[in-house]
Amino acid sequence: MWGFILGRSRRRIVQDFVAAQATSPDRAIAYVAKDVRIFRRLRLYGAIVDNGMDRYHLDARKLGAFRGAVRVRAAAIVGISGMVASAAAAATVFALAE
């Protein structure tokens, strides 16, 4: 559930920049984010670029890399969760068999 909320916040920020056509340095906009934490993560990753004087633009290439990193992390979490669940099920079966 938490990931869904974070993804929705990220999509809202990206949509705001795309709607304003702020995808290049010369089209930078002033922006006040509702979700400051996600906005800060996007800035630290380089997907949102600060042009100075509180004006920002979206770097689509870095955004793609950011999304890829998020997907890899999510896949790792799902994989580890699956292994833990399988191990717990196996332990339960073995415990019941004894």
PDB file of N, CA and C in Angstrom:
ATOM      1  N   MET A   1       0.821  -1.196   0.000  1.00  0.00           N
ATOM      2  CA  MET A   1       0.000   0.000   0.000  1.00  0.00           C
ATOM      3  C   MET A   1       0.863   1.256   0.000  1.00  0.00           C
ATOM      4  N   TRP A   2       1.929   1.238   0.829  1.00  0.00           N
ATOM      5  CA  TRP A   2       2.810   2.394   0.920  1.00  0.00           C
ATOM      6  C   TRP A   2       3.453   2.713  -0.433  1.00  0.00           C
ATOM      7  N   GLY A   3       3.861   1.671  -1.161  1.00  0.00           N
ATOM      8  CA  GLY A   3       4.467   1.870  -2.474  1.00  0.00           C
ATOM      9  C   GLY A   3       3.497   2.483  -3.462  1.00  0.00           C
ATOM     10  N   PHE A   4       2.226   2.116  -3.355  1.00  0.00           N
ATOM     11  CA  PHE A   4       1.212   2.684  -4.240  1.00  0.00           C
ATOM     12  C   PHE A   4       1.085   4.185  -4.005  1.00  0.00           C
ATOM     13  N   ILE A   5       1.095   4.603  -2.739  1.00  0.00           N
ATOM     14  CA  ILE A   5       0.977   6.028  -2.409  1.00  0.00           C
ATOM     15  C   ILE A   5       2.200   6.784  -2.913  1.00  0.00           C
ATOM     16  N   LEU A   6       3.381   6.203  -2.729  1.00  0.00           N
ATOM     17  CA  LEU A   6       4.601   6.851  -3.197  1.00  0.00           C
ATOM     18  C   LEU A   6       4.603   6.971  -4.716  1.00  0.00           C
ATOM     19  N   GLY A   7       4.166   5.912  -5.396  1.00  0.00           N
ATOM     20  CA  GLY A   7       4.100   5.940  -6.850  1.00  0.00           C
ATOM     21  C   GLY A   7       3.116   6.978  -7.346  1.00  0.00           C
ATOM     22  N   ARG A   8       1.994   7.117  -6.659  1.00  0.00           N
ATOM     23  CA  ARG A   8       0.993   8.101  -7.053  1.00  0.00           C
ATOM     24  C   ARG A   8       1.542   9.517  -6.878  1.00  0.00           C
ATOM     25  N   SER A   9       2.256   9.754  -5.787  1.00  0.00           N
ATOM     26  CA  SER A   9       2.859  11.072  -5.558  1.00  0.00           C
ATOM     27  C   SER A   9       3.894  11.381  -6.625  1.00  0.00           C
ATOM     28  N   ARG A  10       4.703  10.382  -6.961  1.00  0.00           N
ATOM     29  CA  ARG A  10       5.722  10.577  -7.992  1.00  0.00           C
ATOM     30  C   ARG A  10       5.075  10.875  -9.337  1.00  0.00           C
ATOM     31  N   ARG A  11       4.023  10.120  -9.677  1.00  0.00           N
ATOM     32  CA  ARG A  11       3.330  10.359 -10.951  1.00  0.00           C
ATOM     33  C   ARG A  11       2.706  11.748 -10.993  1.00  0.00           C
ATOM     34  N   ARG A  12       2.160  12.200  -9.868  1.00  0.00           N
ATOM     35  CA  ARG A  12       1.546  13.530  -9.829  1.00  0.00           C
ATOM     36  C   ARG A  12       2.593  14.611 -10.087  1.00  0.00           C
ATOM     37  N   ILE A  13       3.767  14.478  -9.482  1.00  0.00           N
ATOM     38  CA  ILE A  13       4.828  15.459  -9.684  1.00  0.00           C
ATOM     39  C   ILE A  13       5.269  15.459 -11.143  1.00  0.00           C
ATOM     40  N   VAL A  14       5.483  14.272 -11.701  1.00  0.00           N
ATOM     41  CA  VAL A  14       5.908  14.174 -13.107  1.00  0.00           C
ATOM     42  C   VAL A  14       4.842  14.746 -14.024  1.00  0.00           C
ATOM     43  N   GLN A  15       3.582  14.446 -13.764  1.00  0.00           N
ATOM     44  CA  GLN A  15       2.503  14.981 -14.597  1.00  0.00           C
ATOM     45  C   GLN A  15       2.453  16.505 -14.539  1.00  0.00           C
ATOM     46  N   ASP A  16       2.716  17.081 -13.371  1.00  0.00           N
ATOM     47  CA  ASP A  16       2.735  18.544 -13.252  1.00  0.00           C
ATOM     48  C   ASP A  16       3.804  19.150 -14.154  1.00  0.00           C
ATOM     49  N   PHE A  17       4.980  18.533 -14.181  1.00  0.00           N
ATOM     50  CA  PHE A  17       6.066  19.052 -15.017  1.00  0.00           C
ATOM     51  C   PHE A  17       5.774  18.857 -16.504  1.00  0.00           C
ATOM     52  N   VAL A  18       5.232  17.704 -16.855  1.00  0.00           N
ATOM     53  CA  VAL A  18       4.913  17.436 -18.259  1.00  0.00           C
ATOM     54  C   VAL A  18       3.802  18.371 -18.729  1.00  0.00           C
ATOM     55  N   ALA A  19       2.790  18.578 -17.897  1.00  0.00           N
ATOM     56  CA  ALA A  19       1.681  19.470 -18.265  1.00  0.00           C
ATOM     57  C   ALA A  19       2.174  20.898 -18.477  1.00  0.00           C
ATOM     58  N   ALA A  20       3.173  21.316 -17.686  1.00  0.00           N
ATOM     59  CA  ALA A  20       3.734  22.659 -17.836  1.00  0.00           C
ATOM     60  C   ALA A  20       4.818  22.710 -18.912  1.00  0.00           C
ATOM     61  N   GLN A  21       5.086  21.572 -19.545  1.00  0.00           N
ATOM     62  CA  GLN A  21       6.130  21.432 -20.565  1.00  0.00           C
ATOM     63  C   GLN A  21       7.503  21.843 -20.035  1.00  0.00           C
ATOM     64  N   ALA A  22       7.736  21.596 -18.758  1.00  0.00           N
ATOM     65  CA  ALA A  22       9.005  21.936 -18.117  1.00  0.00           C
ATOM     66  C   ALA A  22       9.956  20.751 -18.222  1.00  0.00           C
ATOM     67  N   THR A  23      10.347  20.432 -19.460  1.00  0.00           N
ATOM     68  CA  THR A  23      11.215  19.284 -19.693  1.00  0.00           C
ATOM     69  C   THR A  23      12.579  19.686 -20.249  1.00  0.00           C
ATOM     70  N   SER A  24      12.883  20.970 -20.181  1.00  0.00           N
ATOM     71  CA  SER A  24      14.194  21.450 -20.605  1.00  0.00           C
ATOM     72  C   SER A  24      14.560  22.654 -19.737  1.00  0.00           C
ATOM     73  N   PRO A  25      15.854  22.971 -19.652  1.00  0.00           N
ATOM     74  CA  PRO A  25      16.276  24.065 -18.772  1.00  0.00           C
ATOM     75  C   PRO A  25      15.619  25.406 -19.101  1.00  0.00           C
ATOM     76  N   ASP A  26      15.387  25.675 -20.376  1.00  0.00           N
ATOM     77  CA  ASP A  26      14.785  26.963 -20.739  1.00  0.00           C
ATOM     78  C   ASP A  26      13.287  27.028 -20.433  1.00  0.00           C
ATOM     79  N   ARG A  27      12.663  25.895 -20.093  1.00  0.00           N
ATOM     80  CA  ARG A  27      11.237  25.858 -19.756  1.00  0.00           C
ATOM     81  C   ARG A  27      11.015  25.583 -18.270  1.00  0.00           C
ATOM     82  N   ALA A  28      12.042  25.807 -17.442  1.00  0.00           N
ATOM     83  CA  ALA A  28      11.956  25.530 -16.006  1.00  0.00           C
ATOM     84  C   ALA A  28      10.835  26.346 -15.362  1.00  0.00           C
ATOM     85  N   ILE A  29      10.226  25.747 -14.323  1.00  0.00           N
ATOM     86  CA  ILE A  29       9.109  26.385 -13.635  1.00  0.00           C
ATOM     87  C   ILE A  29       9.383  26.452 -12.140  1.00  0.00           C
ATOM     88  N   ALA A  30       8.700  27.384 -11.480  1.00  0.00           N
ATOM     89  CA  ALA A  30       8.701  27.401 -10.019  1.00  0.00           C
ATOM     90  C   ALA A  30       7.731  26.313  -9.588  1.00  0.00           C
ATOM     91  N   TYR A  31       8.106  25.543  -8.579  1.00  0.00           N
ATOM     92  CA  TYR A  31       7.263  24.425  -8.178  1.00  0.00           C
ATOM     93  C   TYR A  31       7.335  24.231  -6.677  1.00  0.00           C
ATOM     94  N   VAL A  32       6.169  24.102  -6.066  1.00  0.00           N
ATOM     95  CA  VAL A  32       6.077  23.780  -4.640  1.00  0.00           C
ATOM     96  C   VAL A  32       5.372  22.437  -4.555  1.00  0.00           C
ATOM     97  N   ALA A  33       6.098  21.433  -4.111  1.00  0.00           N
ATOM     98  CA  ALA A  33       5.576  20.067  -4.070  1.00  0.00           C
ATOM     99  C   ALA A  33       4.686  19.846  -2.858  1.00  0.00           C
ATOM    100  N   LYS A  34       3.624  19.076  -3.073  1.00  0.00           N
ATOM    101  CA  LYS A  34       2.772  18.667  -1.954  1.00  0.00           C
ATOM    102  C   LYS A  34       3.464  17.572  -1.151  1.00  0.00           C
ATOM    103  N   ASP A  35       4.157  16.681  -1.834  1.00  0.00           N
ATOM    104  CA  ASP A  35       4.904  15.614  -1.169  1.00  0.00           C
ATOM    105  C   ASP A  35       6.392  15.952  -1.272  1.00  0.00           C
ATOM    106  N   VAL A  36       6.876  16.650  -0.277  1.00  0.00           N
ATOM    107  CA  VAL A  36       8.247  17.162  -0.297  1.00  0.00           C
ATOM    108  C   VAL A  36       9.271  16.028  -0.321  1.00  0.00           C
ATOM    109  N   ARG A  37       8.964  14.932   0.373  1.00  0.00           N
ATOM    110  CA  ARG A  37       9.920  13.821   0.441  1.00  0.00           C
ATOM    111  C   ARG A  37      10.167  13.201  -0.938  1.00  0.00           C
ATOM    112  N   ILE A  38       9.108  12.949  -1.683  1.00  0.00           N
ATOM    113  CA  ILE A  38       9.257  12.370  -3.025  1.00  0.00           C
ATOM    114  C   ILE A  38       9.945  13.366  -3.952  1.00  0.00           C
ATOM    115  N   PHE A  39       9.577  14.625  -3.850  1.00  0.00           N
ATOM    116  CA  PHE A  39      10.205  15.654  -4.674  1.00  0.00           C
ATOM    117  C   PHE A  39      11.709  15.713  -4.391  1.00  0.00           C
ATOM    118  N   ARG A  40      12.085  15.633  -3.115  1.00  0.00           N
ATOM    119  CA  ARG A  40      13.501  15.644  -2.745  1.00  0.00           C
ATOM    120  C   ARG A  40      14.219  14.427  -3.313  1.00  0.00           C
ATOM    121  N   ARG A  41      13.572  13.237  -3.253  1.00  0.00           N
ATOM    122  CA  ARG A  41      14.193  12.026  -3.828  1.00  0.00           C
ATOM    123  C   ARG A  41      14.419  12.189  -5.330  1.00  0.00           C
ATOM    124  N   LEU A  42      13.431  12.739  -6.023  1.00  0.00           N
ATOM    125  CA  LEU A  42      13.576  12.952  -7.466  1.00  0.00           C
ATOM    126  C   LEU A  42      14.695  13.949  -7.757  1.00  0.00           C
ATOM    127  N   ARG A  43      14.822  14.966  -6.929  1.00  0.00           N
ATOM    128  CA  ARG A  43      15.902  15.939  -7.113  1.00  0.00           C
ATOM    129  C   ARG A  43      17.259  15.313  -6.845  1.00  0.00           C
ATOM    130  N   LEU A  44      17.377  14.526  -5.775  1.00  0.00           N
ATOM    131  CA  LEU A  44      18.653  13.898  -5.449  1.00  0.00           C
ATOM    132  C   LEU A  44      19.090  12.917  -6.532  1.00  0.00           C
ATOM    133  N   TYR A  45      18.141  12.260  -7.136  1.00  0.00           N
ATOM    134  CA  TYR A  45      18.455  11.305  -8.200  1.00  0.00           C
ATOM    135  C   TYR A  45      18.777  12.014  -9.515  1.00  0.00           C
ATOM    136  N   GLY A  46      18.368  13.275  -9.646  1.00  0.00           N
ATOM    137  CA  GLY A  46      18.640  14.041 -10.860  1.00  0.00           C
ATOM    138  C   GLY A  46      17.486  14.064 -11.843  1.00  0.00           C
ATOM    139  N   ALA A  47      16.353  13.459 -11.474  1.00  0.00           N
ATOM    140  CA  ALA A  47      15.190  13.458 -12.369  1.00  0.00           C
ATOM    141  C   ALA A  47      14.541  14.842 -12.419  1.00  0.00           C
ATOM    142  N   ILE A  48      14.606  15.563 -11.320  1.00  0.00           N
ATOM    143  CA  ILE A  48      14.168  16.956 -11.271  1.00  0.00           C
ATOM    144  C   ILE A  48      15.427  17.783 -11.065  1.00  0.00           C
ATOM    145  N   VAL A  49      15.661  18.731 -11.961  1.00  0.00           N
ATOM    146  CA  VAL A  49      16.888  19.522 -11.940  1.00  0.00           C
ATOM    147  C   VAL A  49      16.567  20.933 -11.459  1.00  0.00           C
ATOM    148  N   ASP A  50      17.344  21.416 -10.492  1.00  0.00           N
ATOM    149  CA  ASP A  50      17.197  22.769  -9.956  1.00  0.00           C
ATOM    150  C   ASP A  50      18.014  23.715 -10.837  1.00  0.00           C
ATOM    151  N   ASN A  51      17.332  24.666 -11.461  1.00  0.00           N
ATOM    152  CA  ASN A  51      18.022  25.625 -12.327  1.00  0.00           C
ATOM    153  C   ASN A  51      18.427  26.880 -11.579  1.00  0.00           C
ATOM    154  N   GLY A  52      18.202  26.925 -10.311  1.00  0.00           N
ATOM    155  CA  GLY A  52      18.493  28.110  -9.512  1.00  0.00           C
ATOM    156  C   GLY A  52      17.234  28.941  -9.344  1.00  0.00           C
ATOM    157  N   MET A  53      17.215  29.742  -8.306  1.00  0.00           N
ATOM    158  CA  MET A  53      16.082  30.613  -8.007  1.00  0.00           C
ATOM    159  C   MET A  53      14.774  29.829  -7.910  1.00  0.00           C
ATOM    160  N   ASP A  54      14.844  28.619  -7.353  1.00  0.00           N
ATOM    161  CA  ASP A  54      13.662  27.770  -7.151  1.00  0.00           C
ATOM    162  C   ASP A  54      12.893  27.483  -8.435  1.00  0.00           C
ATOM    163  N   ARG A  55      13.607  27.271  -9.503  1.00  0.00           N
ATOM    164  CA  ARG A  55      12.989  26.885 -10.780  1.00  0.00           C
ATOM    165  C   ARG A  55      13.545  25.519 -11.159  1.00  0.00           C
ATOM    166  N   TYR A  56      12.647  24.649 -11.599  1.00  0.00           N
ATOM    167  CA  TYR A  56      13.003  23.249 -11.826  1.00  0.00           C
ATOM    168  C   TYR A  56      12.512  22.788 -13.192  1.00  0.00           C
ATOM    169  N   HIS A  57      13.204  21.768 -13.719  1.00  0.00           N
ATOM    170  CA  HIS A  57      12.712  21.099 -14.920  1.00  0.00           C
ATOM    171  C   HIS A  57      12.927  19.586 -14.776  1.00  0.00           C
ATOM    172  N   LEU A  58      12.210  18.842 -15.578  1.00  0.00           N
ATOM    173  CA  LEU A  58      12.234  17.384 -15.541  1.00  0.00           C
ATOM    174  C   LEU A  58      13.266  16.866 -16.536  1.00  0.00           C
ATOM    175  N   ASP A  59      14.134  15.971 -16.080  1.00  0.00           N
ATOM    176  CA  ASP A  59      15.098  15.303 -16.952  1.00  0.00           C
ATOM    177  C   ASP A  59      14.553  13.897 -17.221  1.00  0.00           C
ATOM    178  N   ALA A  60      13.986  13.709 -18.406  1.00  0.00           N
ATOM    179  CA  ALA A  60      13.296  12.458 -18.737  1.00  0.00           C
ATOM    180  C   ALA A  60      14.241  11.253 -18.708  1.00  0.00           C
ATOM    181  N   ARG A  61      15.476  11.434 -19.120  1.00  0.00           N
ATOM    182  CA  ARG A  61      16.433  10.327 -19.130  1.00  0.00           C
ATOM    183  C   ARG A  61      16.722   9.846 -17.708  1.00  0.00           C
ATOM    184  N   LYS A  62      16.950  10.769 -16.801  1.00  0.00           N
ATOM    185  CA  LYS A  62      17.202  10.413 -15.401  1.00  0.00           C
ATOM    186  C   LYS A  62      15.946   9.847 -14.745  1.00  0.00           C
ATOM    187  N   LEU A  63      14.771  10.342 -15.155  1.00  0.00           N
ATOM    188  CA  LEU A  63      13.525   9.805 -14.619  1.00  0.00           C
ATOM    189  C   LEU A  63      13.374   8.338 -15.002  1.00  0.00           C
ATOM    190  N   GLY A  64      13.720   7.990 -16.237  1.00  0.00           N
ATOM    191  CA  GLY A  64      13.672   6.592 -16.666  1.00  0.00           C
ATOM    192  C   GLY A  64      14.605   5.727 -15.841  1.00  0.00           C
ATOM    193  N   ALA A  65      15.804   6.235 -15.552  1.00  0.00           N
ATOM    194  CA  ALA A  65      16.763   5.492 -14.728  1.00  0.00           C
ATOM    195  C   ALA A  65      16.230   5.346 -13.300  1.00  0.00           C
ATOM    196  N   PHE A  66      15.590   6.378 -12.786  1.00  0.00           N
ATOM    197  CA  PHE A  66      15.012   6.328 -11.448  1.00  0.00           C
ATOM    198  C   PHE A  66      13.910   5.277 -11.379  1.00  0.00           C
ATOM    199  N   ARG A  67      13.043   5.266 -12.380  1.00  0.00           N
ATOM    200  CA  ARG A  67      11.965   4.274 -12.417  1.00  0.00           C
ATOM    201  C   ARG A  67      12.525   2.860 -12.497  1.00  0.00           C
ATOM    202  N   GLY A  68      13.586   2.672 -13.271  1.00  0.00           N
ATOM    203  CA  GLY A  68      14.229   1.362 -13.366  1.00  0.00           C
ATOM    204  C   GLY A  68      14.784   0.920 -12.025  1.00  0.00           C
ATOM    205  N   ALA A  69      15.410   1.843 -11.292  1.00  0.00           N
ATOM    206  CA  ALA A  69      15.958   1.519  -9.980  1.00  0.00           C
ATOM    207  C   ALA A  69      14.843   1.135  -9.005  1.00  0.00           C
ATOM    208  N   VAL A  70      13.725   1.840  -9.086  1.00  0.00           N
ATOM    209  CA  VAL A  70      12.589   1.533  -8.212  1.00  0.00           C
ATOM    210  C   VAL A  70      12.043   0.146  -8.535  1.00  0.00           C
ATOM    211  N   ARG A  71      11.964  -0.188  -9.824  1.00  0.00           N
ATOM    212  CA  ARG A  71      11.461  -1.515 -10.220  1.00  0.00           C
ATOM    213  C   ARG A  71      12.392  -2.626  -9.745  1.00  0.00           C
ATOM    214  N   VAL A  72      13.683  -2.421  -9.866  1.00  0.00           N
ATOM    215  CA  VAL A  72      14.648  -3.430  -9.419  1.00  0.00           C
ATOM    216  C   VAL A  72      14.520  -3.648  -7.918  1.00  0.00           C
ATOM    217  N   ARG A  73      14.394  -2.555  -7.161  1.00  0.00           N
ATOM    218  CA  ARG A  73      14.250  -2.667  -5.715  1.00  0.00           C
ATOM    219  C   ARG A  73      12.957  -3.398  -5.357  1.00  0.00           C
ATOM    220  N   ALA A  74      11.878  -3.074  -6.048  1.00  0.00           N
ATOM    221  CA  ALA A  74      10.597  -3.743  -5.782  1.00  0.00           C
ATOM    222  C   ALA A  74      10.678  -5.230  -6.109  1.00  0.00           C
ATOM    223  N   ALA A  75      11.321  -5.573  -7.215  1.00  0.00           N
ATOM    224  CA  ALA A  75      11.464  -6.982  -7.595  1.00  0.00           C
ATOM    225  C   ALA A  75      12.291  -7.735  -6.554  1.00  0.00           C
ATOM    226  N   ALA A  76      13.329  -7.102  -6.037  1.00  0.00           N
ATOM    227  CA  ALA A  76      14.146  -7.748  -5.004  1.00  0.00           C
ATOM    228  C   ALA A  76      13.327  -7.995  -3.739  1.00  0.00           C
ATOM    229  N   ILE A  77      12.517  -7.028  -3.362  1.00  0.00           N
ATOM    230  CA  ILE A  77      11.687  -7.190  -2.162  1.00  0.00           C
ATOM    231  C   ILE A  77      10.680  -8.317  -2.358  1.00  0.00           C
ATOM    232  N   VAL A  78      10.052  -8.364  -3.524  1.00  0.00           N
ATOM    233  CA  VAL A  78       9.088  -9.435  -3.808  1.00  0.00           C
ATOM    234  C   VAL A  78       9.779 -10.794  -3.805  1.00  0.00           C
ATOM    235  N   GLY A  79      10.949 -10.872  -4.404  1.00  0.00           N
ATOM    236  CA  GLY A  79      11.688 -12.136  -4.442  1.00  0.00           C
ATOM    237  C   GLY A  79      12.074 -12.622  -3.061  1.00  0.00           C
ATOM    238  N   ILE A  80      12.582 -11.733  -2.248  1.00  0.00           N
ATOM    239  CA  ILE A  80      12.979 -12.105  -0.887  1.00  0.00           C
ATOM    240  C   ILE A  80      11.752 -12.506  -0.070  1.00  0.00           C
ATOM    241  N   SER A  81      10.662 -11.766  -0.229  1.00  0.00           N
ATOM    242  CA  SER A  81       9.427 -12.107   0.495  1.00  0.00           C
ATOM    243  C   SER A  81       8.933 -13.490   0.097  1.00  0.00           C
ATOM    244  N   GLY A  82       9.026 -13.815  -1.178  1.00  0.00           N
ATOM    245  CA  GLY A  82       8.614 -15.139  -1.656  1.00  0.00           C
ATOM    246  C   GLY A  82       9.464 -16.244  -1.066  1.00  0.00           C
ATOM    247  N   MET A  83      10.775 -16.015  -0.994  1.00  0.00           N
ATOM    248  CA  MET A  83      11.654 -17.023  -0.414  1.00  0.00           C
ATOM    249  C   MET A  83      11.366 -17.215   1.068  1.00  0.00           C
ATOM    250  N   VAL A  84      11.120 -16.121   1.780  1.00  0.00           N
ATOM    251  CA  VAL A  84      10.816 -16.227   3.209  1.00  0.00           C
ATOM    252  C   VAL A  84       9.501 -16.972   3.418  1.00  0.00           C
ATOM    253  N   ALA A  85       8.498 -16.658   2.596  1.00  0.00           N
ATOM    254  CA  ALA A  85       7.209 -17.346   2.717  1.00  0.00           C
ATOM    255  C   ALA A  85       7.359 -18.834   2.405  1.00  0.00           C
ATOM    256  N   SER A  86       8.150 -19.169   1.394  1.00  0.00           N
ATOM    257  CA  SER A  86       8.372 -20.577   1.057  1.00  0.00           C
ATOM    258  C   SER A  86       9.083 -21.306   2.187  1.00  0.00           C
ATOM    259  N   ALA A  87      10.073 -20.670   2.780  1.00  0.00           N
ATOM    260  CA  ALA A  87      10.799 -21.282   3.887  1.00  0.00           C
ATOM    261  C   ALA A  87       9.884 -21.484   5.093  1.00  0.00           C
ATOM    262  N   ALA A  88       9.039 -20.520   5.367  1.00  0.00           N
ATOM    263  CA  ALA A  88       8.098 -20.652   6.492  1.00  0.00           C
ATOM    264  C   ALA A  88       7.096 -21.777   6.242  1.00  0.00           C
ATOM    265  N   ALA A  89       6.630 -21.883   5.012  1.00  0.00           N
ATOM    266  CA  ALA A  89       5.683 -22.965   4.679  1.00  0.00           C
ATOM    267  C   ALA A  89       6.364 -24.326   4.800  1.00  0.00           C
ATOM    268  N   ALA A  90       7.592 -24.421   4.325  1.00  0.00           N
ATOM    269  CA  ALA A  90       8.336 -25.690   4.409  1.00  0.00           C
ATOM    270  C   ALA A  90       8.582 -26.062   5.870  1.00  0.00           C
ATOM    271  N   ALA A  91       8.930 -25.074   6.684  1.00  0.00           N
ATOM    272  CA  ALA A  91       9.176 -25.345   8.104  1.00  0.00           C
ATOM    273  C   ALA A  91       7.897 -25.825   8.789  1.00  0.00           C
ATOM    274  N   THR A  92       6.780 -25.248   8.412  1.00  0.00           N
ATOM    275  CA  THR A  92       5.499 -25.657   8.991  1.00  0.00           C
ATOM    276  C   THR A  92       5.167 -27.093   8.588  1.00  0.00           C
ATOM    277  N   VAL A  93       5.375 -27.427   7.315  1.00  0.00           N
ATOM    278  CA  VAL A  93       5.098 -28.785   6.835  1.00  0.00           C
ATOM    279  C   VAL A  93       5.985 -29.793   7.545  1.00  0.00           C
ATOM    280  N   PHE A  94       7.267 -29.490   7.673  1.00  0.00           N
ATOM    281  CA  PHE A  94       8.180 -30.396   8.351  1.00  0.00           C
ATOM    282  C   PHE A  94       7.840 -30.547   9.834  1.00  0.00           C
ATOM    283  N   ALA A  95       7.419 -29.443  10.458  1.00  0.00           N
ATOM    284  CA  ALA A  95       7.057 -29.493  11.875  1.00  0.00           C
ATOM    285  C   ALA A  95       5.810 -30.347  12.085  1.00  0.00           C
ATOM    286  N   LEU A  96       4.860 -30.250  11.163  1.00  0.00           N
ATOM    287  CA  LEU A  96       3.640 -31.046  11.273  1.00  0.00           C
ATOM    288  C   LEU A  96       3.889 -32.522  10.977  1.00  0.00           C
ATOM    289  N   ALA A  97       4.888 -32.810  10.139  1.00  0.00           N
ATOM    290  CA  ALA A  97       5.183 -34.188   9.756  1.00  0.00           C
ATOM    291  C   ALA A  97       5.854 -34.941  10.894  1.00  0.00           C
ATOM    292  N   GLU A  98       6.471 -34.257  11.806  1.00  0.00           N
ATOM    293  CA  GLU A  98       7.186 -34.937  12.901  1.00  0.00           C
ATOM    294  C   GLU A  98       6.276 -35.359  13.959  1.00  0.00           C
TER     295      GLU A  98
END
